[in-house]
Amino acid sequence: MLDYYVEAGIDALIGIDPIQGTKTDMPRIRAKVGEEICLWGGVSGAVTVEMGSDEEVRSAVRRALCTLGPQSFILSPVDNITIDAPQTWRNLEVFLDEWRLSWSGLQAL
């Protein structure tokens, strides 16, 4: 399908979920579409953000930024967050904190 997306000239591919995606190979996706298509997602909302540990969230954010970004990439939990619980809110704070830290590191390169 990636060849078809590139050929069609789409602007963005939404929903890149490394855990719940069907055989999602994030490095392959980025290599195949280059920076011509913006990739949106990178972290599983349902599994990592809602149920993960601090380190699982941090690791997922770093992996997404390093694999799919920093250019032509929108970091986002995929698909969405549905559980309104203290752990989810805590993990969202961790998600944003790691994004800030990792983004600063990428900008320094």
PDB file of N, CA and C in Angstrom:
ATOM      1  N   MET A   1       0.812  -1.189   0.000  1.00  0.00           N
ATOM      2  CA  MET A   1       0.000   0.000   0.000  1.00  0.00           C
ATOM      3  C   MET A   1       0.863   1.264   0.000  1.00  0.00           C
ATOM      4  N   LEU A   2       2.041   1.190   0.608  1.00  0.00           N
ATOM      5  CA  LEU A   2       2.883   2.386   0.694  1.00  0.00           C
ATOM      6  C   LEU A   2       3.221   2.945  -0.679  1.00  0.00           C
ATOM      7  N   ASP A   3       3.468   2.066  -1.629  1.00  0.00           N
ATOM      8  CA  ASP A   3       3.758   2.530  -2.992  1.00  0.00           C
ATOM      9  C   ASP A   3       2.570   3.307  -3.558  1.00  0.00           C
ATOM     10  N   TYR A   4       1.376   2.832  -3.292  1.00  0.00           N
ATOM     11  CA  TYR A   4       0.174   3.514  -3.777  1.00  0.00           C
ATOM     12  C   TYR A   4      -0.003   4.880  -3.119  1.00  0.00           C
ATOM     13  N   TYR A   5       0.297   4.959  -1.823  1.00  0.00           N
ATOM     14  CA  TYR A   5       0.189   6.243  -1.124  1.00  0.00           C
ATOM     15  C   TYR A   5       1.146   7.266  -1.731  1.00  0.00           C
ATOM     16  N   VAL A   6       2.371   6.831  -1.986  1.00  0.00           N
ATOM     17  CA  VAL A   6       3.356   7.732  -2.581  1.00  0.00           C
ATOM     18  C   VAL A   6       2.902   8.152  -3.976  1.00  0.00           C
ATOM     19  N   GLU A   7       2.470   7.180  -4.768  1.00  0.00           N
ATOM     20  CA  GLU A   7       2.017   7.466  -6.125  1.00  0.00           C
ATOM     21  C   GLU A   7       0.807   8.413  -6.143  1.00  0.00           C
ATOM     22  N   ALA A   8      -0.085   8.254  -5.169  1.00  0.00           N
ATOM     23  CA  ALA A   8      -1.283   9.094  -5.104  1.00  0.00           C
ATOM     24  C   ALA A   8      -0.965  10.521  -4.676  1.00  0.00           C
ATOM     25  N   GLY A   9       0.204  10.713  -4.078  1.00  0.00           N
ATOM     26  CA  GLY A   9       0.593  12.059  -3.663  1.00  0.00           C
ATOM     27  C   GLY A   9      -0.139  12.559  -2.431  1.00  0.00           C
ATOM     28  N   ILE A  10      -0.507  11.653  -1.537  1.00  0.00           N
ATOM     29  CA  ILE A  10      -1.190  12.094  -0.325  1.00  0.00           C
ATOM     30  C   ILE A  10      -0.256  12.947   0.527  1.00  0.00           C
ATOM     31  N   ASP A  11      -0.843  13.795   1.342  1.00  0.00           N
ATOM     32  CA  ASP A  11      -0.059  14.684   2.200  1.00  0.00           C
ATOM     33  C   ASP A  11       0.317  14.047   3.521  1.00  0.00           C
ATOM     34  N   ALA A  12      -0.592  13.240   4.097  1.00  0.00           N
ATOM     35  CA  ALA A  12      -0.346  12.683   5.424  1.00  0.00           C
ATOM     36  C   ALA A  12      -0.939  11.284   5.545  1.00  0.00           C
ATOM     37  N   LEU A  13      -0.271  10.473   6.332  1.00  0.00           N
ATOM     38  CA  LEU A  13      -0.739   9.134   6.661  1.00  0.00           C
ATOM     39  C   LEU A  13      -0.956   9.122   8.174  1.00  0.00           C
ATOM     40  N   ILE A  14      -2.208   9.026   8.569  1.00  0.00           N
ATOM     41  CA  ILE A  14      -2.591   9.141   9.975  1.00  0.00           C
ATOM     42  C   ILE A  14      -2.793   7.763  10.589  1.00  0.00           C
ATOM     43  N   GLY A  15      -2.329   7.607  11.816  1.00  0.00           N
ATOM     44  CA  GLY A  15      -2.610   6.385  12.567  1.00  0.00           C
ATOM     45  C   GLY A  15      -1.479   5.388  12.605  1.00  0.00           C
ATOM     46  N   ILE A  16      -0.242   5.857  12.584  1.00  0.00           N
ATOM     47  CA  ILE A  16       0.907   4.949  12.651  1.00  0.00           C
ATOM     48  C   ILE A  16       1.043   4.469  14.096  1.00  0.00           C
ATOM     49  N   ASP A  17       0.538   3.278  14.382  1.00  0.00           N
ATOM     50  CA  ASP A  17       0.532   2.712  15.731  1.00  0.00           C
ATOM     51  C   ASP A  17       1.489   1.531  15.780  1.00  0.00           C
ATOM     52  N   PRO A  18       2.577   1.649  16.530  1.00  0.00           N
ATOM     53  CA  PRO A  18       3.578   0.579  16.543  1.00  0.00           C
ATOM     54  C   PRO A  18       3.139  -0.690  17.254  1.00  0.00           C
ATOM     55  N   ILE A  19       2.074  -0.618  18.041  1.00  0.00           N
ATOM     56  CA  ILE A  19       1.626  -1.796  18.792  1.00  0.00           C
ATOM     57  C   ILE A  19       0.369  -2.403  18.195  1.00  0.00           C
ATOM     58  N   GLN A  20      -0.641  -1.600  17.970  1.00  0.00           N
ATOM     59  CA  GLN A  20      -1.911  -2.128  17.493  1.00  0.00           C
ATOM     60  C   GLN A  20      -2.039  -2.109  15.975  1.00  0.00           C
ATOM     61  N   GLY A  21      -1.076  -1.547  15.304  1.00  0.00           N
ATOM     62  CA  GLY A  21      -1.119  -1.537  13.845  1.00  0.00           C
ATOM     63  C   GLY A  21      -0.903  -2.930  13.291  1.00  0.00           C
ATOM     64  N   THR A  22      -1.404  -3.181  12.126  1.00  0.00           N
ATOM     65  CA  THR A  22      -1.225  -4.475  11.482  1.00  0.00           C
ATOM     66  C   THR A  22       0.158  -4.519  10.851  1.00  0.00           C
ATOM     67  N   LYS A  23       1.051  -5.233  11.493  1.00  0.00           N
ATOM     68  CA  LYS A  23       2.429  -5.378  11.008  1.00  0.00           C
ATOM     69  C   LYS A  23       3.089  -4.016  10.748  1.00  0.00           C
ATOM     70  N   THR A  24       2.901  -3.083  11.678  1.00  0.00           N
ATOM     71  CA  THR A  24       3.471  -1.747  11.519  1.00  0.00           C
ATOM     72  C   THR A  24       4.976  -1.799  11.706  1.00  0.00           C
ATOM     73  N   ASP A  25       5.674  -1.479  10.660  1.00  0.00           N
ATOM     74  CA  ASP A  25       7.137  -1.419  10.673  1.00  0.00           C
ATOM     75  C   ASP A  25       7.509   0.047  10.449  1.00  0.00           C
ATOM     76  N   MET A  26       7.641   0.785  11.550  1.00  0.00           N
ATOM     77  CA  MET A  26       7.844   2.226  11.434  1.00  0.00           C
ATOM     78  C   MET A  26       9.081   2.606  10.624  1.00  0.00           C
ATOM     79  N   PRO A  27      10.235   1.957  10.812  1.00  0.00           N
ATOM     80  CA  PRO A  27      11.382   2.325   9.979  1.00  0.00           C
ATOM     81  C   PRO A  27      11.119   2.096   8.486  1.00  0.00           C
ATOM     82  N   ARG A  28      10.436   1.008   8.159  1.00  0.00           N
ATOM     83  CA  ARG A  28      10.129   0.720   6.751  1.00  0.00           C
ATOM     84  C   ARG A  28       9.186   1.758   6.168  1.00  0.00           C
ATOM     85  N   ILE A  29       8.183   2.142   6.955  1.00  0.00           N
ATOM     86  CA  ILE A  29       7.241   3.150   6.478  1.00  0.00           C
ATOM     87  C   ILE A  29       7.972   4.450   6.165  1.00  0.00           C
ATOM     88  N   ARG A  30       8.802   4.918   7.092  1.00  0.00           N
ATOM     89  CA  ARG A  30       9.523   6.175   6.866  1.00  0.00           C
ATOM     90  C   ARG A  30      10.446   6.056   5.663  1.00  0.00           C
ATOM     91  N   ALA A  31      11.156   4.944   5.563  1.00  0.00           N
ATOM     92  CA  ALA A  31      12.084   4.763   4.432  1.00  0.00           C
ATOM     93  C   ALA A  31      11.322   4.753   3.109  1.00  0.00           C
ATOM     94  N   LYS A  32      10.178   4.133   3.093  1.00  0.00           N
ATOM     95  CA  LYS A  32       9.412   3.990   1.853  1.00  0.00           C
ATOM     96  C   LYS A  32       8.791   5.308   1.390  1.00  0.00           C
ATOM     97  N   VAL A  33       8.249   6.090   2.326  1.00  0.00           N
ATOM     98  CA  VAL A  33       7.559   7.316   1.925  1.00  0.00           C
ATOM     99  C   VAL A  33       8.456   8.551   1.988  1.00  0.00           C
ATOM    100  N   GLY A  34       9.651   8.404   2.572  1.00  0.00           N
ATOM    101  CA  GLY A  34      10.553   9.542   2.688  1.00  0.00           C
ATOM    102  C   GLY A  34       9.897  10.674   3.464  1.00  0.00           C
ATOM    103  N   GLU A  35      10.259  11.881   3.114  1.00  0.00           N
ATOM    104  CA  GLU A  35       9.672  13.041   3.778  1.00  0.00           C
ATOM    105  C   GLU A  35       8.573  13.669   2.924  1.00  0.00           C
ATOM    106  N   GLU A  36       8.207  12.974   1.851  1.00  0.00           N
ATOM    107  CA  GLU A  36       7.143  13.471   0.978  1.00  0.00           C
ATOM    108  C   GLU A  36       5.770  13.371   1.632  1.00  0.00           C
ATOM    109  N   ILE A  37       5.609  12.379   2.515  1.00  0.00           N
ATOM    110  CA  ILE A  37       4.341  12.180   3.201  1.00  0.00           C
ATOM    111  C   ILE A  37       4.569  12.390   4.694  1.00  0.00           C
ATOM    112  N   CYS A  38       3.749  13.234   5.284  1.00  0.00           N
ATOM    113  CA  CYS A  38       3.811  13.457   6.722  1.00  0.00           C
ATOM    114  C   CYS A  38       3.215  12.240   7.422  1.00  0.00           C
ATOM    115  N   LEU A  39       3.923  11.731   8.406  1.00  0.00           N
ATOM    116  CA  LEU A  39       3.437  10.600   9.185  1.00  0.00           C
ATOM    117  C   LEU A  39       2.913  11.120  10.517  1.00  0.00           C
ATOM    118  N   TRP A  40       1.758  10.605  10.950  1.00  0.00           N
ATOM    119  CA  TRP A  40       1.060  11.133  12.109  1.00  0.00           C
ATOM    120  C   TRP A  40       0.779   9.990  13.076  1.00  0.00           C
ATOM    121  N   GLY A  41       1.299  10.069  14.274  1.00  0.00           N
ATOM    122  CA  GLY A  41       1.080   9.046  15.293  1.00  0.00           C
ATOM    123  C   GLY A  41       2.378   8.683  15.970  1.00  0.00           C
ATOM    124  N   GLY A  42       2.681   7.389  16.008  1.00  0.00           N
ATOM    125  CA  GLY A  42       3.946   6.915  16.543  1.00  0.00           C
ATOM    126  C   GLY A  42       3.887   6.271  17.910  1.00  0.00           C
ATOM    127  N   VAL A  43       2.828   6.539  18.679  1.00  0.00           N
ATOM    128  CA  VAL A  43       2.700   5.966  20.026  1.00  0.00           C
ATOM    129  C   VAL A  43       1.275   5.429  20.181  1.00  0.00           C
ATOM    130  N   SER A  44       1.146   4.233  20.690  1.00  0.00           N
ATOM    131  CA  SER A  44      -0.174   3.646  20.892  1.00  0.00           C
ATOM    132  C   SER A  44      -0.886   4.342  22.049  1.00  0.00           C
ATOM    133  N   GLY A  45      -2.033   4.933  21.755  1.00  0.00           N
ATOM    134  CA  GLY A  45      -2.816   5.591  22.793  1.00  0.00           C
ATOM    135  C   GLY A  45      -3.410   4.587  23.771  1.00  0.00           C
ATOM    136  N   ALA A  46      -4.036   3.548  23.248  1.00  0.00           N
ATOM    137  CA  ALA A  46      -4.738   2.577  24.087  1.00  0.00           C
ATOM    138  C   ALA A  46      -3.802   1.741  24.947  1.00  0.00           C
ATOM    139  N   VAL A  47      -2.661   1.351  24.396  1.00  0.00           N
ATOM    140  CA  VAL A  47      -1.773   0.457  25.131  1.00  0.00           C
ATOM    141  C   VAL A  47      -0.735   1.249  25.928  1.00  0.00           C
ATOM    142  N   THR A  48       0.004   2.111  25.272  1.00  0.00           N
ATOM    143  CA  THR A  48       1.125   2.784  25.929  1.00  0.00           C
ATOM    144  C   THR A  48       0.682   3.943  26.808  1.00  0.00           C
ATOM    145  N   VAL A  49      -0.113   4.847  26.261  1.00  0.00           N
ATOM    146  CA  VAL A  49      -0.487   6.029  27.036  1.00  0.00           C
ATOM    147  C   VAL A  49      -1.495   5.681  28.139  1.00  0.00           C
ATOM    148  N   GLU A  50      -2.448   4.846  27.851  1.00  0.00           N
ATOM    149  CA  GLU A  50      -3.447   4.527  28.871  1.00  0.00           C
ATOM    150  C   GLU A  50      -2.956   3.519  29.912  1.00  0.00           C
ATOM    151  N   MET A  51      -2.067   2.596  29.527  1.00  0.00           N
ATOM    152  CA  MET A  51      -1.707   1.518  30.458  1.00  0.00           C
ATOM    153  C   MET A  51      -0.217   1.368  30.722  1.00  0.00           C
ATOM    154  N   GLY A  52       0.629   2.107  30.014  1.00  0.00           N
ATOM    155  CA  GLY A  52       2.065   1.908  30.135  1.00  0.00           C
ATOM    156  C   GLY A  52       2.679   2.528  31.379  1.00  0.00           C
ATOM    157  N   SER A  53       3.907   2.108  31.651  1.00  0.00           N
ATOM    158  CA  SER A  53       4.691   2.704  32.731  1.00  0.00           C
ATOM    159  C   SER A  53       5.325   3.999  32.217  1.00  0.00           C
ATOM    160  N   ASP A  54       5.867   4.783  33.128  1.00  0.00           N
ATOM    161  CA  ASP A  54       6.568   6.007  32.718  1.00  0.00           C
ATOM    162  C   ASP A  54       7.634   5.696  31.677  1.00  0.00           C
ATOM    163  N   GLU A  55       8.433   4.675  31.947  1.00  0.00           N
ATOM    164  CA  GLU A  55       9.530   4.369  31.019  1.00  0.00           C
ATOM    165  C   GLU A  55       9.019   3.851  29.685  1.00  0.00           C
ATOM    166  N   GLU A  56       7.932   3.114  29.667  1.00  0.00           N
ATOM    167  CA  GLU A  56       7.354   2.656  28.399  1.00  0.00           C
ATOM    168  C   GLU A  56       6.875   3.845  27.558  1.00  0.00           C
ATOM    169  N   VAL A  57       6.268   4.816  28.224  1.00  0.00           N
ATOM    170  CA  VAL A  57       5.816   6.016  27.509  1.00  0.00           C
ATOM    171  C   VAL A  57       7.018   6.775  26.974  1.00  0.00           C
ATOM    172  N   ARG A  58       8.019   7.007  27.814  1.00  0.00           N
ATOM    173  CA  ARG A  58       9.217   7.745  27.386  1.00  0.00           C
ATOM    174  C   ARG A  58       9.914   7.043  26.222  1.00  0.00           C
ATOM    175  N   SER A  59      10.056   5.743  26.339  1.00  0.00           N
ATOM    176  CA  SER A  59      10.712   4.968  25.285  1.00  0.00           C
ATOM    177  C   SER A  59       9.939   5.047  23.970  1.00  0.00           C
ATOM    178  N   ALA A  60       8.608   4.969  24.052  1.00  0.00           N
ATOM    179  CA  ALA A  60       7.787   5.031  22.845  1.00  0.00           C
ATOM    180  C   ALA A  60       7.895   6.389  22.166  1.00  0.00           C
ATOM    181  N   VAL A  61       7.926   7.455  22.951  1.00  0.00           N
ATOM    182  CA  VAL A  61       8.066   8.800  22.385  1.00  0.00           C
ATOM    183  C   VAL A  61       9.425   8.944  21.705  1.00  0.00           C
ATOM    184  N   ARG A  62      10.485   8.508  22.376  1.00  0.00           N
ATOM    185  CA  ARG A  62      11.836   8.600  21.778  1.00  0.00           C
ATOM    186  C   ARG A  62      11.922   7.790  20.495  1.00  0.00           C
ATOM    187  N   ARG A  63      11.389   6.576  20.532  1.00  0.00           N
ATOM    188  CA  ARG A  63      11.435   5.704  19.351  1.00  0.00           C
ATOM    189  C   ARG A  63      10.668   6.338  18.183  1.00  0.00           C
ATOM    190  N   ALA A  64       9.503   6.888  18.466  1.00  0.00           N
ATOM    191  CA  ALA A  64       8.710   7.519  17.405  1.00  0.00           C
ATOM    192  C   ALA A  64       9.444   8.714  16.804  1.00  0.00           C
ATOM    193  N   LEU A  65       9.998   9.566  17.651  1.00  0.00           N
ATOM    194  CA  LEU A  65      10.711  10.745  17.150  1.00  0.00           C
ATOM    195  C   LEU A  65      11.938  10.355  16.334  1.00  0.00           C
ATOM    196  N   CYS A  66      12.680   9.371  16.819  1.00  0.00           N
ATOM    197  CA  CYS A  66      13.901   8.959  16.115  1.00  0.00           C
ATOM    198  C   CYS A  66      13.604   8.188  14.834  1.00  0.00           C
ATOM    199  N   THR A  67      12.519   7.441  14.814  1.00  0.00           N
ATOM    200  CA  THR A  67      12.196   6.606  13.666  1.00  0.00           C
ATOM    201  C   THR A  67      11.388   7.344  12.605  1.00  0.00           C
ATOM    202  N   LEU A  68      10.409   8.110  13.029  1.00  0.00           N
ATOM    203  CA  LEU A  68       9.490   8.742  12.091  1.00  0.00           C
ATOM    204  C   LEU A  68       9.785  10.217  11.849  1.00  0.00           C
ATOM    205  N   GLY A  69      10.525  10.836  12.741  1.00  0.00           N
ATOM    206  CA  GLY A  69      10.776  12.282  12.647  1.00  0.00           C
ATOM    207  C   GLY A  69      12.227  12.579  12.426  1.00  0.00           C
ATOM    208  N   PRO A  70      12.622  13.788  12.641  1.00  0.00           N
ATOM    209  CA  PRO A  70      11.796  14.882  13.131  1.00  0.00           C
ATOM    210  C   PRO A  70      11.030  15.622  12.030  1.00  0.00           C
ATOM    211  N   GLN A  71      11.441  15.478  10.779  1.00  0.00           N
ATOM    212  CA  GLN A  71      10.765  16.180   9.676  1.00  0.00           C
ATOM    213  C   GLN A  71       9.547  15.394   9.212  1.00  0.00           C
ATOM    214  N   SER A  72       8.533  16.096   8.732  1.00  0.00           N
ATOM    215  CA  SER A  72       7.329  15.470   8.171  1.00  0.00           C
ATOM    216  C   SER A  72       6.705  14.469   9.137  1.00  0.00           C
ATOM    217  N   PHE A  73       6.584  14.877  10.396  1.00  0.00           N
ATOM    218  CA  PHE A  73       6.070  13.975  11.426  1.00  0.00           C
ATOM    219  C   PHE A  73       5.272  14.756  12.453  1.00  0.00           C
ATOM    220  N   ILE A  74       4.120  14.211  12.833  1.00  0.00           N
ATOM    221  CA  ILE A  74       3.301  14.749  13.910  1.00  0.00           C
ATOM    222  C   ILE A  74       3.210  13.668  14.976  1.00  0.00           C
ATOM    223  N   LEU A  75       3.845  13.915  16.120  1.00  0.00           N
ATOM    224  CA  LEU A  75       3.806  12.976  17.237  1.00  0.00           C
ATOM    225  C   LEU A  75       2.430  13.030  17.880  1.00  0.00           C
ATOM    226  N   SER A  76       1.814  11.851  18.019  1.00  0.00           N
ATOM    227  CA  SER A  76       0.463  11.802  18.572  1.00  0.00           C
ATOM    228  C   SER A  76       0.155  10.396  19.077  1.00  0.00           C
ATOM    229  N   PRO A  77      -0.626  10.291  20.170  1.00  0.00           N
ATOM    230  CA  PRO A  77      -1.139   8.978  20.540  1.00  0.00           C
ATOM    231  C   PRO A  77      -2.148   8.540  19.480  1.00  0.00           C
ATOM    232  N   VAL A  78      -2.091   7.275  19.109  1.00  0.00           N
ATOM    233  CA  VAL A  78      -2.980   6.747  18.069  1.00  0.00           C
ATOM    234  C   VAL A  78      -3.995   5.830  18.730  1.00  0.00           C
ATOM    235  N   ASP A  79      -5.085   5.840  18.308  1.00  0.00           N
ATOM    236  CA  ASP A  79      -6.030   6.655  17.617  1.00  0.00           C
ATOM    237  C   ASP A  79      -6.424   7.814  18.502  1.00  0.00           C
ATOM    238  N   ASN A  80      -6.794   7.480  19.689  1.00  0.00           N
ATOM    239  CA  ASN A  80      -7.155   8.509  20.642  1.00  0.00           C
ATOM    240  C   ASN A  80      -7.058   7.927  22.040  1.00  0.00           C
ATOM    241  N   ILE A  81      -7.325   8.766  23.004  1.00  0.00           N
ATOM    242  CA  ILE A  81      -7.302   8.344  24.402  1.00  0.00           C
ATOM    243  C   ILE A  81      -8.754   8.269  24.866  1.00  0.00           C
ATOM    244  N   THR A  82      -9.139   7.138  25.428  1.00  0.00           N
ATOM    245  CA  THR A  82     -10.536   6.967  25.819  1.00  0.00           C
ATOM    246  C   THR A  82     -10.738   6.768  27.313  1.00  0.00           C
ATOM    247  N   ILE A  83      -9.693   6.429  28.034  1.00  0.00           N
ATOM    248  CA  ILE A  83      -9.820   6.168  29.469  1.00  0.00           C
ATOM    249  C   ILE A  83      -9.430   7.415  30.257  1.00  0.00           C
ATOM    250  N   ASP A  84     -10.390   7.957  30.979  1.00  0.00           N
ATOM    251  CA  ASP A  84     -10.163   9.124  31.825  1.00  0.00           C
ATOM    252  C   ASP A  84      -9.821   8.619  33.225  1.00  0.00           C
ATOM    253  N   ALA A  85      -8.529   8.383  33.447  1.00  0.00           N
ATOM    254  CA  ALA A  85      -8.070   7.831  34.721  1.00  0.00           C
ATOM    255  C   ALA A  85      -6.774   8.525  35.125  1.00  0.00           C
ATOM    256  N   PRO A  86      -6.440   8.503  36.410  1.00  0.00           N
ATOM    257  CA  PRO A  86      -5.206   9.159  36.865  1.00  0.00           C
ATOM    258  C   PRO A  86      -3.949   8.689  36.119  1.00  0.00           C
ATOM    259  N   GLN A  87      -3.837   7.393  35.835  1.00  0.00           N
ATOM    260  CA  GLN A  87      -2.656   6.897  35.123  1.00  0.00           C
ATOM    261  C   GLN A  87      -2.580   7.472  33.716  1.00  0.00           C
ATOM    262  N   THR A  88      -3.707   7.587  33.047  1.00  0.00           N
ATOM    263  CA  THR A  88      -3.724   8.164  31.703  1.00  0.00           C
ATOM    264  C   THR A  88      -3.232   9.598  31.745  1.00  0.00           C
ATOM    265  N   TRP A  89      -3.751  10.388  32.681  1.00  0.00           N
ATOM    266  CA  TRP A  89      -3.329  11.786  32.794  1.00  0.00           C
ATOM    267  C   TRP A  89      -1.851  11.884  33.155  1.00  0.00           C
ATOM    268  N   ARG A  90      -1.392  11.018  34.048  1.00  0.00           N
ATOM    269  CA  ARG A  90       0.030  10.991  34.402  1.00  0.00           C
ATOM    270  C   ARG A  90       0.864  10.662  33.160  1.00  0.00           C
ATOM    271  N   ASN A  91       0.452   9.672  32.402  1.00  0.00           N
ATOM    272  CA  ASN A  91       1.198   9.279  31.215  1.00  0.00           C
ATOM    273  C   ASN A  91       1.187  10.358  30.140  1.00  0.00           C
ATOM    274  N   LEU A  92       0.121  11.129  30.058  1.00  0.00           N
ATOM    275  CA  LEU A  92       0.110  12.255  29.115  1.00  0.00           C
ATOM    276  C   LEU A  92       1.146  13.301  29.521  1.00  0.00           C
ATOM    277  N   GLU A  93       1.280  13.531  30.818  1.00  0.00           N
ATOM    278  CA  GLU A  93       2.318  14.456  31.295  1.00  0.00           C
ATOM    279  C   GLU A  93       3.705  13.925  30.957  1.00  0.00           C
ATOM    280  N   VAL A  94       3.916  12.633  31.157  1.00  0.00           N
ATOM    281  CA  VAL A  94       5.200  12.001  30.817  1.00  0.00           C
ATOM    282  C   VAL A  94       5.447  12.090  29.313  1.00  0.00           C
ATOM    283  N   PHE A  95       4.416  11.832  28.515  1.00  0.00           N
ATOM    284  CA  PHE A  95       4.494  11.916  27.053  1.00  0.00           C
ATOM    285  C   PHE A  95       4.996  13.303  26.639  1.00  0.00           C
ATOM    286  N   LEU A  96       4.354  14.341  27.162  1.00  0.00           N
ATOM    287  CA  LEU A  96       4.739  15.713  26.811  1.00  0.00           C
ATOM    288  C   LEU A  96       6.129  16.065  27.327  1.00  0.00           C
ATOM    289  N   ASP A  97       6.456  15.614  28.534  1.00  0.00           N
ATOM    290  CA  ASP A  97       7.777  15.887  29.087  1.00  0.00           C
ATOM    291  C   ASP A  97       8.871  15.246  28.230  1.00  0.00           C
ATOM    292  N   GLU A  98       8.649  13.998  27.827  1.00  0.00           N
ATOM    293  CA  GLU A  98       9.662  13.319  26.999  1.00  0.00           C
ATOM    294  C   GLU A  98       9.751  13.955  25.627  1.00  0.00           C
ATOM    295  N   TRP A  99       8.636  14.381  25.075  1.00  0.00           N
ATOM    296  CA  TRP A  99       8.665  15.093  23.792  1.00  0.00           C
ATOM    297  C   TRP A  99       9.540  16.336  23.910  1.00  0.00           C
ATOM    298  N   ARG A 100       9.337  17.130  24.964  1.00  0.00           N
ATOM    299  CA  ARG A 100      10.144  18.344  25.158  1.00  0.00           C
ATOM    300  C   ARG A 100      11.627  18.009  25.272  1.00  0.00           C
ATOM    301  N   LEU A 101      11.945  17.010  26.086  1.00  0.00           N
ATOM    302  CA  LEU A 101      13.356  16.620  26.273  1.00  0.00           C
ATOM    303  C   LEU A 101      13.963  16.077  24.987  1.00  0.00           C
ATOM    304  N   SER A 102      13.267  15.184  24.325  1.00  0.00           N
ATOM    305  CA  SER A 102      13.791  14.572  23.098  1.00  0.00           C
ATOM    306  C   SER A 102      13.869  15.579  21.969  1.00  0.00           C
ATOM    307  N   TRP A 103      12.882  16.435  21.853  1.00  0.00           N
ATOM    308  CA  TRP A 103      12.888  17.440  20.795  1.00  0.00           C
ATOM    309  C   TRP A 103      14.062  18.394  20.972  1.00  0.00           C
ATOM    310  N   SER A 104      14.342  18.786  22.209  1.00  0.00           N
ATOM    311  CA  SER A 104      15.495  19.656  22.481  1.00  0.00           C
ATOM    312  C   SER A 104      16.786  18.969  22.047  1.00  0.00           C
ATOM    313  N   GLY A 105      16.888  17.673  22.336  1.00  0.00           N
ATOM    314  CA  GLY A 105      18.066  16.916  21.933  1.00  0.00           C
ATOM    315  C   GLY A 105      18.202  16.806  20.421  1.00  0.00           C
ATOM    316  N   LEU A 106      17.103  16.615  19.732  1.00  0.00           N
ATOM    317  CA  LEU A 106      17.144  16.522  18.268  1.00  0.00           C
ATOM    318  C   LEU A 106      17.510  17.869  17.655  1.00  0.00           C
ATOM    319  N   GLN A 107      17.041  18.948  18.231  1.00  0.00           N
ATOM    320  CA  GLN A 107      17.348  20.277  17.703  1.00  0.00           C
ATOM    321  C   GLN A 107      18.823  20.615  17.870  1.00  0.00           C
ATOM    322  N   ALA A 108      19.456  20.037  18.893  1.00  0.00           N
ATOM    323  CA  ALA A 108      20.868  20.317  19.148  1.00  0.00           C
ATOM    324  C   ALA A 108      21.780  19.615  18.137  1.00  0.00           C
ATOM    325  N   LEU A 109      21.264  18.601  17.466  1.00  0.00           N
ATOM    326  CA  LEU A 109      22.106  17.830  16.513  1.00  0.00           C
ATOM    327  C   LEU A 109      22.413  18.622  15.269  1.00  0.00           C
TER     328      LEU A 109
END
